Structures are given as C-alpha cells and as structure tokens.
Amino acid sequence: MKNFVLMLVFVVLGTHVIAQDTANREIVKKGDVYEVTIFHEDGTISQIGQYNCEGKVHGVWTSFDLNGNKTAVAQYNNGEKTGTWFFYEGDVLKEVKYSQNRVAQVTTWKEGETQVVSN
C-alpha cells in the first residue's frame, strides 16, 4: 500500500512538478489542447499527456519508467481526476476509480489474488 500511495503522489504531483522543467519537455499545440511529452534526464519518455487551453491537465496521462515500461495511466477532465486510473508495479496492477475528483474504489490485481477496497 505504501508503494501505491507513493506512486499516486508521483503521478498527481509529478505531472505538475516535472512539467515546470522546460528543458525536459516538448509541447505541441493541437486545436484547443497542448500535447506534452516529458522526458527523463537520459532522454527517454517519462510522461505523455495533455493540458487544455486553460492550462489544466486534461485527458489521458501516461507515465513510464527509465526502461520504457508503463507505470501509470491517469485520466483528467479539466484538471479533475476522473475515470479509472491504472498503476503498474511489477506483477501487480492497481485500478483506482475516481468519482467527483475523489477515490471511490481501489482494486489490486495480482496473479492468483484480487483485493477490492471501497470508500
């Protein structure tokens, strides 16, 4: 659970903190959104996502580790957490469902084992 909380903090805060380093990101305006690619120091992709024209995170954000493995997939709607987020930790998948910008349910998937936690 501790790793899950740290991963959640990384995705939620990391998106905003890392995005402040302009040397490690690429921004392309497409219509009403800005597509953002954030890079690790070695040049590999760290995160891919979008901001809307108001500067709020919007749409799907995907995070990767240094080896290119997907670590998280998050969804935002006009700056608010929404939908189902996925966190990948080795052979464990955590599925976090959001409702009204709050965690509504957490499901942990591990080979041969499932655990559901609801708020």
N, C-alpha and C. Protein backbone atom coordinates (compact mmCIF):
# COMPACT_ATOMS: atom_id res chain seq x y z
N MET A 1 0.83 -1.19 0.00
CA MET A 1 0.00 0.00 0.00
C MET A 1 0.87 1.25 0.00
N LYS A 2 2.01 1.21 0.72
CA LYS A 2 2.91 2.36 0.77
C LYS A 2 3.41 2.71 -0.62
N ASN A 3 3.78 1.68 -1.41
CA ASN A 3 4.25 1.93 -2.78
C ASN A 3 3.15 2.53 -3.63
N PHE A 4 1.91 2.07 -3.42
CA PHE A 4 0.78 2.61 -4.17
C PHE A 4 0.60 4.09 -3.88
N VAL A 5 0.65 4.47 -2.62
CA VAL A 5 0.48 5.87 -2.23
C VAL A 5 1.60 6.72 -2.83
N LEU A 6 2.83 6.22 -2.78
CA LEU A 6 3.95 6.97 -3.38
C LEU A 6 3.76 7.13 -4.88
N MET A 7 3.31 6.06 -5.55
CA MET A 7 3.08 6.13 -6.99
C MET A 7 1.98 7.15 -7.29
N LEU A 8 0.92 7.14 -6.49
CA LEU A 8 -0.18 8.08 -6.69
C LEU A 8 0.30 9.51 -6.52
N VAL A 9 1.10 9.77 -5.50
CA VAL A 9 1.66 11.10 -5.28
C VAL A 9 2.53 11.50 -6.46
N PHE A 10 3.34 10.57 -6.96
CA PHE A 10 4.20 10.86 -8.10
C PHE A 10 3.39 11.28 -9.31
N VAL A 11 2.35 10.52 -9.62
CA VAL A 11 1.56 10.83 -10.81
C VAL A 11 0.83 12.15 -10.65
N VAL A 12 0.21 12.36 -9.50
CA VAL A 12 -0.58 13.57 -9.30
C VAL A 12 0.31 14.80 -9.21
N LEU A 13 1.34 14.75 -8.39
CA LEU A 13 2.21 15.90 -8.22
C LEU A 13 3.30 15.94 -9.27
N GLY A 14 3.80 14.78 -9.64
CA GLY A 14 4.90 14.72 -10.60
C GLY A 14 4.55 15.36 -11.93
N THR A 15 3.33 15.20 -12.36
CA THR A 15 2.90 15.80 -13.60
C THR A 15 3.12 17.30 -13.58
N HIS A 16 2.78 17.93 -12.46
CA HIS A 16 2.89 19.37 -12.37
C HIS A 16 4.33 19.81 -12.08
N VAL A 17 5.03 19.11 -11.22
CA VAL A 17 6.39 19.50 -10.85
C VAL A 17 7.35 19.29 -12.02
N ILE A 18 7.30 18.12 -12.65
CA ILE A 18 8.19 17.84 -13.76
C ILE A 18 7.91 18.78 -14.93
N ALA A 19 6.66 19.12 -15.13
CA ALA A 19 6.29 19.98 -16.25
C ALA A 19 6.90 21.37 -16.13
N GLN A 20 7.36 21.75 -14.96
CA GLN A 20 7.97 23.06 -14.78
C GLN A 20 9.37 23.14 -15.39
N ASP A 21 10.01 22.00 -15.63
CA ASP A 21 11.35 21.96 -16.19
C ASP A 21 11.23 21.99 -17.71
N THR A 22 11.33 23.16 -18.31
CA THR A 22 11.09 23.31 -19.74
C THR A 22 12.13 22.62 -20.60
N ALA A 23 13.32 22.35 -20.08
CA ALA A 23 14.36 21.68 -20.86
C ALA A 23 14.02 20.22 -21.11
N ASN A 24 13.18 19.63 -20.28
CA ASN A 24 12.87 18.21 -20.41
C ASN A 24 11.46 17.94 -20.92
N ARG A 25 10.90 18.87 -21.69
CA ARG A 25 9.57 18.64 -22.21
C ARG A 25 9.41 19.20 -23.61
N GLU A 26 8.44 18.65 -24.29
CA GLU A 26 8.09 19.09 -25.64
C GLU A 26 6.60 19.37 -25.63
N ILE A 27 6.19 20.53 -26.13
CA ILE A 27 4.78 20.90 -26.13
C ILE A 27 4.36 21.22 -27.56
N VAL A 28 3.27 20.61 -27.99
CA VAL A 28 2.74 20.85 -29.33
C VAL A 28 1.28 21.22 -29.19
N LYS A 29 0.91 22.39 -29.73
CA LYS A 29 -0.50 22.83 -29.67
C LYS A 29 -1.26 22.16 -30.81
N LYS A 30 -2.34 21.48 -30.44
CA LYS A 30 -3.20 20.83 -31.43
C LYS A 30 -4.63 21.22 -31.11
N GLY A 31 -5.16 22.14 -31.87
CA GLY A 31 -6.52 22.61 -31.63
C GLY A 31 -6.59 23.34 -30.30
N ASP A 32 -7.47 22.87 -29.43
CA ASP A 32 -7.69 23.50 -28.13
C ASP A 32 -6.85 22.88 -27.01
N VAL A 33 -5.96 21.97 -27.34
CA VAL A 33 -5.15 21.31 -26.31
C VAL A 33 -3.66 21.42 -26.64
N TYR A 34 -2.86 21.26 -25.60
CA TYR A 34 -1.41 21.20 -25.73
C TYR A 34 -0.98 19.78 -25.42
N GLU A 35 -0.39 19.10 -26.38
CA GLU A 35 0.13 17.76 -26.15
C GLU A 35 1.52 17.90 -25.57
N VAL A 36 1.75 17.24 -24.44
CA VAL A 36 3.00 17.40 -23.71
C VAL A 36 3.71 16.05 -23.61
N THR A 37 5.01 16.06 -23.90
CA THR A 37 5.85 14.90 -23.68
C THR A 37 6.96 15.35 -22.73
N ILE A 38 7.09 14.64 -21.62
CA ILE A 38 8.10 14.97 -20.62
C ILE A 38 9.13 13.85 -20.65
N PHE A 39 10.40 14.23 -20.60
CA PHE A 39 11.48 13.26 -20.74
C PHE A 39 12.26 13.08 -19.44
N HIS A 40 12.75 11.85 -19.22
CA HIS A 40 13.71 11.59 -18.15
C HIS A 40 15.02 12.27 -18.56
N GLU A 41 15.95 12.40 -17.62
CA GLU A 41 17.23 13.04 -17.92
C GLU A 41 18.00 12.35 -19.03
N ASP A 42 17.81 11.04 -19.20
CA ASP A 42 18.52 10.31 -20.25
C ASP A 42 17.85 10.43 -21.62
N GLY A 43 16.75 11.16 -21.70
CA GLY A 43 16.07 11.39 -22.98
C GLY A 43 14.91 10.45 -23.25
N THR A 44 14.72 9.42 -22.43
CA THR A 44 13.57 8.54 -22.63
C THR A 44 12.31 9.23 -22.11
N ILE A 45 11.18 8.79 -22.63
CA ILE A 45 9.91 9.42 -22.27
C ILE A 45 9.51 9.07 -20.84
N SER A 46 9.18 10.09 -20.08
CA SER A 46 8.72 9.94 -18.70
C SER A 46 7.19 9.99 -18.63
N GLN A 47 6.58 10.95 -19.34
CA GLN A 47 5.13 11.12 -19.32
C GLN A 47 4.65 11.68 -20.64
N ILE A 48 3.44 11.31 -20.99
CA ILE A 48 2.76 11.86 -22.16
C ILE A 48 1.36 12.25 -21.71
N GLY A 49 0.92 13.45 -22.08
CA GLY A 49 -0.42 13.86 -21.70
C GLY A 49 -0.80 15.16 -22.36
N GLN A 50 -1.87 15.77 -21.86
CA GLN A 50 -2.39 17.00 -22.45
C GLN A 50 -2.79 18.00 -21.37
N TYR A 51 -2.71 19.25 -21.75
CA TYR A 51 -3.28 20.36 -20.99
C TYR A 51 -4.31 21.01 -21.89
N ASN A 52 -5.39 21.52 -21.30
CA ASN A 52 -6.36 22.25 -22.11
C ASN A 52 -5.89 23.70 -22.26
N CYS A 53 -6.64 24.50 -22.97
CA CYS A 53 -6.23 25.88 -23.23
C CYS A 53 -6.19 26.74 -21.97
N GLU A 54 -6.80 26.25 -20.88
CA GLU A 54 -6.77 26.97 -19.60
C GLU A 54 -5.58 26.55 -18.74
N GLY A 55 -4.74 25.64 -19.27
CA GLY A 55 -3.56 25.19 -18.53
C GLY A 55 -3.85 24.09 -17.52
N LYS A 56 -5.02 23.46 -17.61
CA LYS A 56 -5.36 22.38 -16.69
C LYS A 56 -5.11 21.03 -17.37
N VAL A 57 -4.61 20.07 -16.56
CA VAL A 57 -4.40 18.74 -17.12
C VAL A 57 -5.73 18.20 -17.62
N HIS A 58 -5.69 17.53 -18.78
CA HIS A 58 -6.93 17.08 -19.40
C HIS A 58 -6.64 15.85 -20.24
N GLY A 59 -7.54 14.90 -20.18
CA GLY A 59 -7.38 13.68 -20.98
C GLY A 59 -6.51 12.66 -20.28
N VAL A 60 -5.95 11.76 -21.07
CA VAL A 60 -5.16 10.65 -20.54
C VAL A 60 -3.71 11.07 -20.37
N TRP A 61 -3.12 10.76 -19.20
CA TRP A 61 -1.70 10.95 -18.92
C TRP A 61 -1.10 9.58 -18.68
N THR A 62 0.00 9.29 -19.35
CA THR A 62 0.67 8.00 -19.19
C THR A 62 2.09 8.25 -18.73
N SER A 63 2.52 7.49 -17.71
CA SER A 63 3.87 7.62 -17.15
C SER A 63 4.67 6.35 -17.44
N PHE A 64 5.99 6.53 -17.63
CA PHE A 64 6.89 5.43 -17.95
C PHE A 64 8.11 5.48 -17.06
N ASP A 65 8.69 4.31 -16.76
CA ASP A 65 9.95 4.28 -16.01
C ASP A 65 11.11 4.46 -17.00
N LEU A 66 12.32 4.42 -16.48
CA LEU A 66 13.51 4.64 -17.31
C LEU A 66 13.71 3.58 -18.39
N ASN A 67 13.11 2.41 -18.19
CA ASN A 67 13.22 1.32 -19.17
C ASN A 67 12.10 1.34 -20.20
N GLY A 68 11.22 2.34 -20.13
CA GLY A 68 10.12 2.45 -21.07
C GLY A 68 8.88 1.66 -20.67
N ASN A 69 8.90 1.06 -19.49
CA ASN A 69 7.74 0.31 -19.01
C ASN A 69 6.68 1.27 -18.49
N LYS A 70 5.44 1.02 -18.84
CA LYS A 70 4.32 1.84 -18.37
C LYS A 70 4.18 1.68 -16.87
N THR A 71 4.12 2.79 -16.13
CA THR A 71 3.96 2.73 -14.67
C THR A 71 2.59 3.23 -14.23
N ALA A 72 1.95 4.08 -15.03
CA ALA A 72 0.64 4.60 -14.64
C ALA A 72 -0.09 5.16 -15.86
N VAL A 73 -1.41 5.05 -15.80
CA VAL A 73 -2.29 5.68 -16.79
C VAL A 73 -3.37 6.38 -15.99
N ALA A 74 -3.46 7.70 -16.15
CA ALA A 74 -4.40 8.51 -15.39
C ALA A 74 -5.31 9.28 -16.34
N GLN A 75 -6.49 9.65 -15.84
CA GLN A 75 -7.42 10.44 -16.64
C GLN A 75 -7.83 11.69 -15.89
N TYR A 76 -7.84 12.78 -16.63
CA TYR A 76 -8.27 14.07 -16.06
C TYR A 76 -9.36 14.66 -16.94
N ASN A 77 -10.23 15.43 -16.32
CA ASN A 77 -11.23 16.19 -17.05
C ASN A 77 -11.18 17.62 -16.52
N ASN A 78 -10.59 18.50 -17.31
CA ASN A 78 -10.49 19.91 -16.93
C ASN A 78 -9.83 20.09 -15.56
N GLY A 79 -8.74 19.35 -15.32
CA GLY A 79 -7.98 19.47 -14.09
C GLY A 79 -8.42 18.57 -12.96
N GLU A 80 -9.54 17.86 -13.12
CA GLU A 80 -10.03 16.98 -12.07
C GLU A 80 -9.77 15.52 -12.41
N LYS A 81 -9.43 14.73 -11.38
CA LYS A 81 -9.22 13.30 -11.55
C LYS A 81 -10.56 12.66 -11.86
N THR A 82 -10.55 11.75 -12.85
CA THR A 82 -11.79 11.12 -13.25
C THR A 82 -11.53 9.72 -13.79
N GLY A 83 -12.57 8.95 -13.90
CA GLY A 83 -12.47 7.64 -14.52
C GLY A 83 -11.62 6.66 -13.73
N THR A 84 -11.05 5.71 -14.44
CA THR A 84 -10.24 4.66 -13.82
C THR A 84 -8.78 4.90 -14.13
N TRP A 85 -7.97 4.91 -13.09
CA TRP A 85 -6.52 5.06 -13.22
C TRP A 85 -5.89 3.68 -13.00
N PHE A 86 -4.76 3.44 -13.67
CA PHE A 86 -4.05 2.17 -13.54
C PHE A 86 -2.62 2.45 -13.11
N PHE A 87 -2.14 1.68 -12.12
CA PHE A 87 -0.77 1.77 -11.64
C PHE A 87 -0.14 0.39 -11.77
N TYR A 88 1.00 0.33 -12.46
CA TYR A 88 1.69 -0.93 -12.72
C TYR A 88 2.93 -1.01 -11.84
N GLU A 89 3.02 -2.07 -11.03
CA GLU A 89 4.16 -2.29 -10.13
C GLU A 89 4.59 -3.73 -10.27
N GLY A 90 5.52 -4.02 -11.18
CA GLY A 90 5.95 -5.40 -11.39
C GLY A 90 4.77 -6.25 -11.85
N ASP A 91 4.44 -7.28 -11.08
CA ASP A 91 3.32 -8.16 -11.44
C ASP A 91 2.01 -7.75 -10.77
N VAL A 92 1.96 -6.54 -10.23
CA VAL A 92 0.76 -6.04 -9.56
C VAL A 92 0.17 -4.89 -10.38
N LEU A 93 -1.13 -4.92 -10.55
CA LEU A 93 -1.86 -3.84 -11.21
C LEU A 93 -2.86 -3.29 -10.20
N LYS A 94 -2.81 -2.00 -9.97
CA LYS A 94 -3.79 -1.35 -9.09
C LYS A 94 -4.70 -0.50 -9.96
N GLU A 95 -5.98 -0.69 -9.75
CA GLU A 95 -7.01 0.02 -10.50
C GLU A 95 -7.71 0.94 -9.52
N VAL A 96 -7.64 2.24 -9.78
CA VAL A 96 -8.24 3.23 -8.87
C VAL A 96 -9.34 3.95 -9.63
N LYS A 97 -10.56 3.85 -9.11
CA LYS A 97 -11.70 4.52 -9.75
C LYS A 97 -11.99 5.82 -9.01
N TYR A 98 -12.15 6.89 -9.79
CA TYR A 98 -12.44 8.20 -9.23
C TYR A 98 -13.88 8.60 -9.52
N SER A 99 -14.48 9.27 -8.55
CA SER A 99 -15.80 9.85 -8.69
C SER A 99 -15.76 11.22 -8.02
N GLN A 100 -16.15 12.23 -8.73
CA GLN A 100 -16.15 13.61 -8.23
C GLN A 100 -14.78 14.00 -7.67
N ASN A 101 -13.73 13.65 -8.40
CA ASN A 101 -12.35 14.02 -8.08
C ASN A 101 -11.83 13.34 -6.81
N ARG A 102 -12.49 12.26 -6.37
CA ARG A 102 -12.07 11.53 -5.16
C ARG A 102 -12.00 10.04 -5.46
N VAL A 103 -11.15 9.35 -4.72
CA VAL A 103 -11.03 7.90 -4.87
C VAL A 103 -12.33 7.24 -4.42
N ALA A 104 -12.93 6.45 -5.31
CA ALA A 104 -14.18 5.77 -4.99
C ALA A 104 -13.94 4.28 -4.72
N GLN A 105 -12.94 3.70 -5.41
CA GLN A 105 -12.68 2.28 -5.24
C GLN A 105 -11.26 1.96 -5.70
N VAL A 106 -10.62 1.04 -4.99
CA VAL A 106 -9.29 0.57 -5.36
C VAL A 106 -9.35 -0.94 -5.50
N THR A 107 -8.88 -1.45 -6.63
CA THR A 107 -8.80 -2.88 -6.85
C THR A 107 -7.35 -3.23 -7.14
N THR A 108 -6.83 -4.22 -6.43
CA THR A 108 -5.47 -4.69 -6.65
C THR A 108 -5.53 -6.04 -7.34
N TRP A 109 -4.86 -6.13 -8.49
CA TRP A 109 -4.83 -7.37 -9.25
C TRP A 109 -3.42 -7.94 -9.16
N LYS A 110 -3.31 -9.15 -8.68
CA LYS A 110 -2.03 -9.86 -8.62
C LYS A 110 -2.32 -11.29 -9.02
N GLU A 111 -1.39 -11.90 -9.67
CA GLU A 111 -1.60 -13.26 -10.15
C GLU A 111 -2.16 -14.15 -9.03
N GLY A 112 -3.37 -14.68 -9.25
CA GLY A 112 -4.00 -15.57 -8.29
C GLY A 112 -4.67 -14.89 -7.11
N GLU A 113 -4.73 -13.56 -7.12
CA GLU A 113 -5.24 -12.85 -5.95
C GLU A 113 -5.87 -11.52 -6.37
N THR A 114 -7.02 -11.16 -5.80
CA THR A 114 -7.66 -9.86 -6.06
C THR A 114 -8.15 -9.29 -4.74
N GLN A 115 -7.97 -7.97 -4.57
CA GLN A 115 -8.43 -7.31 -3.35
C GLN A 115 -9.13 -6.03 -3.76
N VAL A 116 -10.35 -5.81 -3.26
CA VAL A 116 -11.12 -4.61 -3.56
C VAL A 116 -11.29 -3.80 -2.29
N VAL A 117 -10.98 -2.51 -2.37
CA VAL A 117 -11.16 -1.61 -1.23
C VAL A 117 -12.06 -0.48 -1.70
N SER A 118 -13.18 -0.27 -1.02
CA SER A 118 -14.11 0.78 -1.41
C SER A 118 -14.20 1.82 -0.29
N ASN A 119 -14.38 3.07 -0.70
CA ASN A 119 -14.60 4.15 0.26
C ASN A 119 -16.07 4.44 0.38
